[in-house]
């Protein structure tokens, strides 16, 4: 199946992507891909180094005639988001990604594709391996754990890199040149609760919310996509208010940086209320499906009878958590007042796990303005502390402030127009890029971000445009030729 990917143009890039996707590379489990990159660099006879964090640096000298150009750092991250459909049997720890061609798109069978940021990694690998591409001296930097904390970029020490210009290959629209990004912070609310025995005269149900598109919790947060945790809570709130629904457990979402696509709950109601409860749930499910019919046409909400569980949450805690999840902000919080159409601050209620006496609610808050980020964090903290949760923050990373006077921006902007006959979209994005963190240790480095078109990142609908990769590859080659002199 992956063999057909190797026939695509540019073959140098797609072959490296296929090689990379054969290596399991979950965030925080990058040992195999680090070894893979080390073997790749040494096999080319290039200086290859690994720092104490696990980042890999491969150095390639300038081609003849390009020695007087500035050294560039080409950077991408090695890890990928692991998401799969509920009906897909796949082990990310042991299996390589199974890819196929669908018209102009490369997709994966029921899982994330790894184009984010595997196409960037493959691009750099193809350049390092090439014998006929003109380029200045290159420092190829492959960071780890970008998707779940950016610990690779955070652990990069000052002085390891000598380059003057950083090309980050992690943007997902081929007509965009990235000059800034949002920072982010993880917000986690936890508390314990007592379980109560289920009394006689109760009937058990499972409620499932599936079929949502999900997506990148930064780049897709403005699209109005359904959040499985918020949908589930809406159902539970209604059932609790009108029929005394009691919760046994909830499992919703999987990763902080992915809009949750699925949520599952086990609940009980009084047997005498069962028929009315089922009718109400079907009516509310129909309403929600209608509301999201444009952006999430495959949304499925099912309420099915099941064996009655033996325990449920204590009633007071349940009332608090259901109301808090209703009140907690999800989605766009503020839009930028300085950059048109840019989401400034947002929150993703990413995971809700309730059961066996423990409540855990995990969020990812993003913003390009530090004060606005912390304002939303405080709003979330206040909401969850009111129901007795302990709220902690972690994984804080800075945004990347735009520099519209960037010399490499001027070069790339002119090249894009020359190659494509139209202006590039120069913009900041609401995703988290490593440039902001890297800039703390390398404040004088001129940074830019770009890449091919990738849609549905962080979801099993992730796909990469074949024609866009061809367009992007041509752009990369021209950029390498036009790097300014020292």
Protein backbone atom coordinates (compact mmCIF):
# COMPACT_ATOMS: atom_id res chain seq x y z
CA UNK A 1 0.00 0.00 0.00
CA UNK A 2 2.77 2.45 0.91
CA UNK A 3 4.61 1.49 -2.27
CA UNK A 4 2.29 3.66 -4.36
CA UNK A 5 3.27 6.65 -2.22
CA UNK A 6 6.89 6.15 -3.30
CA UNK A 7 5.95 6.74 -6.94
CA UNK A 8 4.65 10.26 -6.27
CA UNK A 9 6.61 13.34 -7.30
CA UNK A 10 8.85 14.61 -5.86
CA UNK A 11 10.05 11.06 -5.25
CA UNK A 12 12.96 12.17 -3.05
CA UNK A 13 10.55 13.70 -0.54
CA UNK A 14 7.78 11.09 -0.65
CA UNK A 15 10.26 8.23 -0.30
CA UNK A 16 11.69 9.79 2.84
CA UNK A 17 8.18 10.31 4.17
CA UNK A 18 7.39 6.64 3.57
CA UNK A 19 10.63 5.64 5.33
CA UNK A 20 9.78 7.88 8.28
CA UNK A 21 6.18 6.64 8.55
CA UNK A 22 7.44 3.07 8.88
CA UNK A 23 8.94 4.08 12.25
CA UNK A 24 6.56 4.32 15.26
CA UNK A 25 7.04 7.80 16.76
CA UNK A 26 4.52 8.73 19.45
CA UNK A 27 5.23 11.83 21.47
CA UNK A 28 7.40 10.98 24.52
CA UNK A 29 8.30 7.63 22.92
CA UNK A 30 10.72 8.83 20.25
CA UNK A 31 13.63 6.46 20.97
CA UNK A 32 13.17 4.56 17.69
CA UNK A 33 12.85 7.64 15.49
CA UNK A 34 15.85 9.28 17.20
CA UNK A 35 17.91 6.17 16.39
CA UNK A 36 16.50 6.20 12.85
CA UNK A 37 17.62 9.80 12.32
CA UNK A 38 21.05 9.15 13.84
CA UNK A 39 21.57 6.21 11.47
CA UNK A 40 20.39 8.32 8.55
CA UNK A 41 22.84 11.14 9.27
CA UNK A 42 25.83 8.90 9.87
CA UNK A 43 25.05 6.83 6.77
CA UNK A 44 25.50 10.02 4.73
CA UNK A 45 28.86 10.70 6.38
CA UNK A 46 27.48 13.90 7.95
CA UNK A 47 28.21 15.23 11.43
CA UNK A 48 25.31 13.94 13.53
CA UNK A 49 24.73 14.92 17.15
CA UNK A 50 22.08 14.18 19.77
CA UNK A 51 21.65 16.48 22.76
CA UNK A 52 20.69 15.38 26.27
CA UNK A 53 17.01 16.05 25.55
CA UNK A 54 16.95 13.82 22.46
CA UNK A 55 16.99 16.45 19.72
CA UNK A 56 18.99 15.45 16.63
CA UNK A 57 21.28 17.83 14.72
CA UNK A 58 22.75 16.89 11.32
CA UNK A 59 25.17 19.28 9.62
CA UNK A 60 25.75 19.47 5.89
CA UNK A 61 28.33 21.80 4.29
CA UNK A 62 27.39 24.28 1.58
CA UNK A 63 27.48 23.12 -2.03
CA UNK A 64 30.27 24.61 -4.20
CA UNK A 65 29.72 28.31 -4.81
CA UNK A 66 27.35 28.71 -1.84
CA UNK A 67 29.97 28.89 0.91
CA UNK A 68 29.56 32.66 1.30
CA UNK A 69 25.83 32.41 2.11
CA UNK A 70 24.39 32.53 5.62
CA UNK A 71 24.04 29.21 7.43
CA UNK A 72 20.44 28.08 7.71
CA UNK A 73 18.74 25.93 10.33
CA UNK A 74 16.05 23.74 8.79
CA UNK A 75 13.79 22.53 11.58
CA UNK A 76 10.92 20.08 12.03
CA UNK A 77 9.70 17.87 14.88
CA UNK A 78 9.96 14.09 14.90
CA UNK A 79 6.88 13.12 16.92
CA UNK A 80 3.33 12.84 15.62
CA UNK A 81 -0.17 12.96 17.09
CA UNK A 82 -1.66 9.50 17.48
CA UNK A 83 -5.40 9.39 16.84
CA UNK A 84 -7.47 6.59 15.33
CA UNK A 85 -11.11 5.86 14.66
CA UNK A 86 -12.86 3.74 17.27
CA UNK A 87 -13.38 0.91 14.78
CA UNK A 88 -9.74 0.91 13.62
CA UNK A 89 -7.46 -1.78 15.03
CA UNK A 90 -4.00 -0.24 15.16
CA UNK A 91 -1.07 -0.12 17.60
CA UNK A 92 0.87 3.14 17.26
CA UNK A 93 3.67 1.74 19.43
CA UNK A 94 4.50 -1.08 17.04
CA UNK A 95 3.00 -0.38 13.61
CA UNK A 96 3.98 1.94 10.79
CA UNK A 97 1.34 4.22 9.28
CA UNK A 98 -0.67 2.64 6.46
CA UNK A 99 -1.08 5.22 3.67
CA UNK A 100 -3.07 5.39 0.46
CA UNK A 101 -3.80 7.84 -2.37
CA UNK A 102 -7.24 9.41 -2.66
CA UNK A 103 -7.33 11.67 -5.73
CA UNK A 104 -5.02 14.60 -4.85
CA UNK A 105 -4.61 13.49 -1.25
CA UNK A 106 -2.42 11.12 0.69
CA UNK A 107 -4.35 9.69 3.64
CA UNK A 108 -3.94 7.01 6.31
CA UNK A 109 -6.24 4.06 6.94
CA UNK A 110 -8.27 5.13 9.99
CA UNK A 111 -5.41 6.93 11.74
CA UNK A 112 -3.55 10.20 11.71
CA UNK A 113 -1.16 10.43 8.75
CA UNK A 114 1.86 12.01 10.43
CA UNK A 115 2.20 14.66 7.73
CA UNK A 116 2.33 17.03 10.71
CA UNK A 117 5.33 17.29 10.89
CA UNK A 118 6.60 14.29 8.94
CA UNK A 119 6.52 16.10 5.61
CA UNK A 120 8.84 18.72 7.08
CA UNK A 121 11.19 16.03 8.36
CA UNK A 122 11.10 14.25 4.99
CA UNK A 123 11.85 17.51 3.17
CA UNK A 124 14.98 18.06 5.21
CA UNK A 125 16.05 14.43 4.80
CA UNK A 126 15.68 14.70 1.01
CA UNK A 127 17.86 17.81 0.96
CA UNK A 128 20.51 16.23 3.19
CA UNK A 129 20.65 13.19 0.90
CA UNK A 130 20.68 15.14 -2.37
CA UNK A 131 23.74 15.50 -4.56
CA UNK A 132 22.32 18.00 -7.06
CA UNK A 133 20.51 20.69 -5.05
CA UNK A 134 22.23 24.04 -4.45
CA UNK A 135 22.19 25.15 -0.83
CA UNK A 136 24.19 27.02 1.81
CA UNK A 137 25.55 25.30 4.91
CA UNK A 138 22.67 23.55 6.67
CA UNK A 139 22.05 22.65 10.28
CA UNK A 140 19.16 20.19 10.20
CA UNK A 141 17.42 20.29 13.58
CA UNK A 142 14.92 17.57 14.45
CA UNK A 143 13.19 18.23 17.77
CA UNK A 144 11.19 15.80 19.88
CA UNK A 145 7.90 15.93 21.79
CA UNK A 146 6.50 19.01 20.07
CA UNK A 147 2.93 17.79 20.25
CA UNK A 148 2.68 17.18 24.00
CA UNK A 149 4.74 19.90 25.63
CA UNK A 150 7.45 21.09 23.22
CA UNK A 151 10.02 19.65 25.60
CA UNK A 152 12.51 19.19 22.76
CA UNK A 153 12.56 22.90 21.93
CA UNK A 154 12.52 23.80 25.61
CA UNK A 155 15.53 21.57 26.26
CA UNK A 156 17.60 22.94 23.39
CA UNK A 157 20.63 24.70 24.83
CA UNK A 158 21.99 28.04 23.72
CA UNK A 159 25.10 27.78 21.57
CA UNK A 160 24.37 24.43 19.94
CA UNK A 161 23.17 26.09 16.74
CA UNK A 162 25.33 28.44 14.69
CA UNK A 163 22.84 29.31 11.95
CA UNK A 164 21.63 32.81 11.12
CA UNK A 165 18.23 31.89 9.64
CA UNK A 166 15.70 29.32 10.84
CA UNK A 167 13.26 27.73 8.39
CA UNK A 168 10.54 25.99 10.40
CA UNK A 169 8.64 23.59 8.11
CA UNK A 170 5.50 23.21 10.23
CA UNK A 171 2.87 25.43 8.59
CA UNK A 172 -0.11 23.73 6.93
CA UNK A 173 -1.27 26.04 4.12
CA UNK A 174 0.97 26.27 1.06
CA UNK A 175 0.07 29.91 0.35
CA UNK A 176 1.00 31.01 3.86
CA UNK A 177 4.29 32.34 5.22
CA UNK A 178 4.17 32.17 9.00
CA UNK A 179 5.67 35.00 11.04
CA UNK A 180 4.12 34.38 14.47
CA UNK A 181 2.20 31.89 16.58
CA UNK A 182 0.30 31.44 19.81
CA UNK A 183 1.71 30.30 23.12
CA UNK A 184 -0.07 27.70 25.20
CA UNK A 185 -0.56 26.21 28.65
CA UNK A 186 -2.14 23.00 29.98
CA UNK A 187 -4.89 23.40 32.59
CA UNK A 188 -5.85 20.34 34.64
CA UNK A 189 -8.68 20.11 37.19
CA UNK A 190 -8.88 17.14 39.57
CA UNK A 191 -10.86 16.06 42.59
CA UNK A 192 -11.92 12.90 44.34
CA UNK A 193 -15.49 11.94 45.12
CA UNK A 194 -17.36 9.24 46.97
CA UNK A 195 -19.22 6.58 45.09
CA UNK A 196 -22.74 5.65 46.09
CA UNK A 197 -24.41 2.28 45.67
CA UNK A 198 -27.08 2.13 42.99
CA UNK A 199 -30.50 1.59 44.59
CA UNK A 200 -33.23 -0.70 43.39
CA UNK A 201 -35.47 0.38 40.54
CA UNK A 202 -32.72 1.76 38.29
CA UNK A 203 -31.83 0.99 34.69
CA UNK A 204 -28.40 1.42 33.13
CA UNK A 205 -27.57 3.13 29.83
CA UNK A 206 -24.50 3.83 27.75
CA UNK A 207 -24.35 7.13 25.90
CA UNK A 208 -21.89 7.49 23.03
CA UNK A 209 -20.93 10.54 21.00
CA UNK A 210 -18.93 9.55 17.91
CA UNK A 211 -18.36 10.52 14.27
CA UNK A 212 -17.13 14.07 14.87
CA UNK A 213 -14.36 15.42 12.66
CA UNK A 214 -12.18 16.61 15.51
CA UNK A 215 -9.06 18.43 14.39
CA UNK A 216 -6.22 20.66 15.53
CA UNK A 217 -7.19 22.51 18.69
CA UNK A 218 -5.38 25.61 17.44
CA UNK A 219 -5.72 25.77 13.67
CA UNK A 220 -9.31 24.43 13.64
CA UNK A 221 -10.70 25.99 16.83
CA UNK A 222 -12.54 28.76 14.95
CA UNK A 223 -14.48 26.41 12.66
CA UNK A 224 -17.32 25.66 15.07
CA UNK A 225 -16.55 21.94 15.10
CA UNK A 226 -18.32 19.80 17.67
CA UNK A 227 -16.49 19.02 20.91
CA UNK A 228 -17.49 15.55 22.12
CA UNK A 229 -17.01 16.48 25.77
CA UNK A 230 -19.29 19.51 25.54
CA UNK A 231 -21.92 17.54 23.61
CA UNK A 232 -21.84 14.72 26.15
CA UNK A 233 -22.17 17.15 29.02
CA UNK A 234 -25.15 18.80 27.35
CA UNK A 235 -26.88 15.42 27.22
CA UNK A 236 -25.97 14.60 30.82
CA UNK A 237 -27.07 18.00 32.07
CA UNK A 238 -30.48 17.61 30.44
CA UNK A 239 -30.89 14.06 31.73
CA UNK A 240 -29.89 15.10 35.24
CA UNK A 241 -32.14 18.18 35.33
CA UNK A 242 -35.22 16.42 33.98
CA UNK A 243 -34.87 12.74 34.91
CA UNK A 244 -32.45 12.52 37.82
CA UNK A 245 -29.73 10.87 35.68
CA UNK A 246 -26.77 9.61 37.72
CA UNK A 247 -23.26 9.15 36.32
CA UNK A 248 -21.22 5.98 36.73
CA UNK A 249 -18.32 6.96 34.44
CA UNK A 250 -17.28 9.22 31.56
CA UNK A 251 -14.40 8.78 29.12
CA UNK A 252 -14.13 11.59 26.59
CA UNK A 253 -11.29 12.78 24.34
CA UNK A 254 -7.72 11.59 24.13
CA UNK A 255 -5.17 14.38 23.51
CA UNK A 256 -5.01 17.98 24.69
CA UNK A 257 -4.11 19.36 21.26
CA UNK A 258 -6.93 17.55 19.42
CA UNK A 259 -10.56 18.64 19.45
CA UNK A 260 -12.24 15.60 21.04
CA UNK A 261 -14.10 13.44 18.55
CA UNK A 262 -15.61 10.83 20.87
CA UNK A 263 -17.05 10.55 24.36
CA UNK A 264 -18.62 7.60 26.19
CA UNK A 265 -20.63 7.56 29.41
CA UNK A 266 -22.41 4.98 31.56
CA UNK A 267 -25.36 6.28 33.57
CA UNK A 268 -28.52 5.19 35.39
CA UNK A 269 -32.05 6.56 35.63
CA UNK A 270 -35.16 5.44 37.49
CA UNK A 271 -36.92 2.62 35.70
CA UNK A 272 -40.19 4.54 35.76
CA UNK A 273 -38.47 7.42 33.90
CA UNK A 274 -36.78 5.22 31.30
CA UNK A 275 -39.25 5.65 28.45
CA UNK A 276 -39.50 9.42 28.85
CA UNK A 277 -35.71 9.68 29.21
CA UNK A 278 -35.11 7.79 25.98
CA UNK A 279 -37.59 10.00 24.14
CA UNK A 280 -35.96 13.16 25.51
CA UNK A 281 -32.46 11.99 24.61
CA UNK A 282 -33.47 11.17 21.05
CA UNK A 283 -35.06 14.59 20.63
CA UNK A 284 -32.03 16.38 22.05
CA UNK A 285 -29.66 14.26 19.95
CA UNK A 286 -31.61 15.22 16.84
CA UNK A 287 -31.35 18.90 17.79
CA UNK A 288 -27.59 18.67 18.28
CA UNK A 289 -27.12 16.78 15.01
CA UNK A 290 -29.09 19.48 13.20
CA UNK A 291 -27.00 22.22 14.79
CA UNK A 292 -23.77 20.59 13.62
CA UNK A 293 -25.04 19.14 10.33
CA UNK A 294 -22.83 21.38 8.19
CA UNK A 295 -19.51 21.02 10.02
CA UNK A 296 -19.99 17.53 11.48
CA UNK A 297 -22.44 15.66 9.23
CA UNK A 298 -21.38 12.22 10.52
CA UNK A 299 -22.08 12.94 14.19
CA UNK A 300 -23.70 9.93 15.86
CA UNK A 301 -25.32 9.99 19.31
CA UNK A 302 -26.53 6.68 20.69
CA UNK A 303 -28.31 5.87 23.94
CA UNK A 304 -28.52 2.14 24.67
CA UNK A 305 -29.62 0.08 27.65
CA UNK A 306 -26.85 -1.82 29.42
CA UNK A 307 -26.26 -3.75 32.62
CA UNK A 308 -26.98 -1.50 35.56
CA UNK A 309 -23.69 -0.50 37.20
CA UNK A 310 -23.25 -1.00 40.92
CA UNK A 311 -22.10 2.54 41.76
CA UNK A 312 -22.58 6.18 40.76
CA UNK A 313 -21.12 9.56 41.71
CA UNK A 314 -22.34 11.18 44.90
CA UNK A 315 -25.14 13.51 43.90
CA UNK A 316 -23.69 16.83 45.12
CA UNK A 317 -20.40 16.37 43.30
CA UNK A 318 -22.18 15.25 40.13
CA UNK A 319 -24.35 18.36 40.08
CA UNK A 320 -21.27 20.54 40.48
CA UNK A 321 -19.17 18.90 37.77
CA UNK A 322 -21.97 18.84 35.20
CA UNK A 323 -22.66 22.53 35.78
CA UNK A 324 -18.96 23.42 35.79
CA UNK A 325 -18.39 21.66 32.47
CA UNK A 326 -21.36 23.53 31.06
CA UNK A 327 -19.91 26.85 32.28
CA UNK A 328 -16.27 26.18 31.34
CA UNK A 329 -15.25 28.05 28.22
CA UNK A 330 -14.52 26.02 25.09
CA UNK A 331 -13.56 27.42 21.69
CA UNK A 332 -12.61 30.95 20.67
CA UNK A 333 -12.33 33.35 23.62
CA UNK A 334 -11.06 36.51 21.88
CA UNK A 335 -10.08 37.54 18.36
CA UNK A 336 -6.97 39.62 17.70
CA UNK A 337 -7.52 43.36 17.45
CA UNK A 338 -4.23 43.87 15.60
CA UNK A 339 -4.21 41.05 13.02
CA UNK A 340 -7.44 40.54 11.01
CA UNK A 341 -9.17 37.16 11.35
CA UNK A 342 -6.59 35.79 13.81
CA UNK A 343 -7.86 33.93 16.86
CA UNK A 344 -6.08 35.51 19.80
CA UNK A 345 -7.14 33.26 22.69
CA UNK A 346 -8.97 29.93 22.89
CA UNK A 347 -9.50 26.87 25.05
CA UNK A 348 -10.01 23.21 24.20
CA UNK A 349 -11.76 21.05 26.80
CA UNK A 350 -9.79 18.08 25.60
CA UNK A 351 -10.30 15.20 28.04
CA UNK A 352 -12.91 14.38 30.64
CA UNK A 353 -12.32 11.25 32.70
CA UNK A 354 -14.68 10.36 35.55
CA UNK A 355 -14.85 7.06 37.39
CA UNK A 356 -13.69 5.03 40.40
CA UNK A 357 -13.88 8.10 42.62
CA UNK A 358 -11.71 10.41 40.50
CA UNK A 359 -12.50 13.39 38.26
CA UNK A 360 -9.91 14.65 35.76
CA UNK A 361 -10.59 17.46 33.28
CA UNK A 362 -7.77 18.42 30.91
CA UNK A 363 -7.66 21.59 28.80
CA UNK A 364 -5.22 23.33 26.46
CA UNK A 365 -5.41 27.12 26.49
CA UNK A 366 -3.72 29.05 23.67
CA UNK A 367 -3.08 32.74 23.08
CA UNK A 368 -0.79 35.11 21.22
CA UNK A 369 -1.19 37.57 24.13
CA UNK A 370 0.18 36.40 27.48
CA UNK A 371 -2.21 38.47 29.59
CA UNK A 372 -5.24 37.17 27.68
CA UNK A 373 -3.99 33.60 28.05
CA UNK A 374 -3.76 33.97 31.81
CA UNK A 375 -7.15 35.69 31.96
CA UNK A 376 -8.75 32.61 30.42
CA UNK A 377 -6.70 30.30 32.64
CA UNK A 378 -8.04 32.17 35.68
CA UNK A 379 -11.59 31.88 34.34
CA UNK A 380 -11.19 28.11 34.02
CA UNK A 381 -9.49 27.85 37.39
CA UNK A 382 -12.29 29.77 39.09
CA UNK A 383 -14.94 27.61 37.41
CA UNK A 384 -13.42 24.33 38.54
CA UNK A 385 -12.28 25.49 41.98
CA UNK A 386 -15.89 26.41 42.76
CA UNK A 387 -16.72 22.68 42.71
CA UNK A 388 -13.75 21.72 44.86
CA UNK A 389 -11.24 20.79 42.18
CA UNK A 390 -7.52 21.30 42.54
CA UNK A 391 -6.45 23.16 39.40
CA UNK A 392 -2.86 23.04 38.16
CA UNK A 393 -1.06 24.40 35.11
CA UNK A 394 1.89 22.92 33.23
CA UNK A 395 3.63 22.89 29.87
CA UNK A 396 3.60 26.69 29.53
CA UNK A 397 5.31 27.89 26.35
CA UNK A 398 5.60 31.35 24.79
CA UNK A 399 4.19 32.69 21.57
CA UNK A 400 6.28 33.96 18.68
CA UNK A 401 5.98 37.68 18.05
CA UNK A 402 5.80 38.68 14.34
CA UNK A 403 8.75 40.56 12.79
CA UNK A 404 7.43 42.16 9.61
CA UNK A 405 10.93 43.52 8.86
CA UNK A 406 12.47 40.04 8.71
CA UNK A 407 15.07 39.81 5.90
CA UNK A 408 14.19 36.19 5.08
CA UNK A 409 10.50 37.16 4.93
CA UNK A 410 11.30 39.70 2.21
CA UNK A 411 13.22 37.04 0.22
CA UNK A 412 10.48 34.43 0.53
CA UNK A 413 7.63 36.86 -0.13
CA UNK A 414 9.22 37.96 -3.41
CA UNK A 415 10.07 34.38 -4.43
CA UNK A 416 6.55 33.14 -3.77
CA UNK A 417 5.04 35.84 -5.98
CA UNK A 418 7.60 35.16 -8.73
CA UNK A 419 6.85 31.41 -8.70
CA UNK A 420 3.08 31.56 -8.31
CA UNK A 421 1.99 34.85 -9.82
CA UNK A 422 0.26 35.99 -6.64
CA UNK A 423 1.12 37.26 -3.20
CA UNK A 424 1.63 34.87 -0.31
CA UNK A 425 -0.52 35.18 2.77
CA UNK A 426 1.86 36.49 5.44
CA UNK A 427 0.27 35.67 8.77
CA UNK A 428 0.53 34.59 12.36
CA UNK A 429 -1.28 31.38 13.34
CA UNK A 430 -3.14 30.16 16.40
CA UNK A 431 -1.17 26.92 16.58
CA UNK A 432 1.89 26.52 18.77
CA UNK A 433 5.17 26.52 16.87
CA UNK A 434 8.61 25.97 18.31
CA UNK A 435 9.93 29.29 17.00
CA UNK A 436 8.85 31.20 20.12
CA UNK A 437 10.75 28.81 22.39
CA UNK A 438 13.82 28.60 20.15
CA UNK A 439 13.90 32.37 19.98
CA UNK A 440 14.49 32.58 23.73
CA UNK A 441 17.96 31.04 23.33
CA UNK A 442 18.59 32.44 19.84
CA UNK A 443 17.02 35.92 19.91
CA UNK A 444 19.01 37.18 16.90
CA UNK A 445 18.05 34.32 14.61
CA UNK A 446 15.76 35.32 11.72
CA UNK A 447 12.82 32.88 11.73
CA UNK A 448 10.06 31.94 9.29
CA UNK A 449 7.59 29.05 9.01
CA UNK A 450 6.01 27.48 5.92
CA UNK A 451 4.90 24.14 4.53
CA UNK A 452 2.55 22.24 2.18
CA UNK A 453 -1.21 22.06 2.58
CA UNK A 454 -2.29 19.56 5.26
CA UNK A 455 -5.92 19.31 6.31
CA UNK A 456 -7.43 17.60 9.35
CA UNK A 457 -4.20 17.49 11.34
CA UNK A 458 -4.48 15.76 14.73
CA UNK A 459 -7.40 13.63 13.49
CA UNK A 460 -7.81 10.43 11.44
CA UNK A 461 -9.03 12.68 8.62
CA UNK A 462 -5.51 14.14 8.28
CA UNK A 463 -4.50 14.37 4.63
CA UNK A 464 -1.73 15.96 2.58
CA UNK A 465 -2.24 17.48 -0.86
CA UNK A 466 -0.01 15.89 -3.51
CA UNK A 467 -0.09 18.91 -5.82
CA UNK A 468 0.63 21.19 -2.89
CA UNK A 469 3.71 19.17 -1.92
CA UNK A 470 4.99 19.61 -5.48
CA UNK A 471 4.40 23.37 -5.28
CA UNK A 472 6.07 23.55 -1.86
CA UNK A 473 9.10 21.49 -2.98
CA UNK A 474 9.73 23.91 -5.85
CA UNK A 475 9.51 26.80 -3.38
CA UNK A 476 11.98 25.14 -0.98
CA UNK A 477 14.55 24.66 -3.74
CA UNK A 478 14.35 28.30 -4.81
CA UNK A 479 14.65 29.53 -1.22
CA UNK A 480 17.86 27.55 -0.75
CA UNK A 481 19.35 29.23 -3.82
CA UNK A 482 18.42 32.73 -2.63
CA UNK A 483 19.69 32.66 0.96
CA UNK A 484 21.45 36.03 1.49
CA UNK A 485 25.22 36.35 1.71
CA UNK A 486 26.96 36.58 5.07
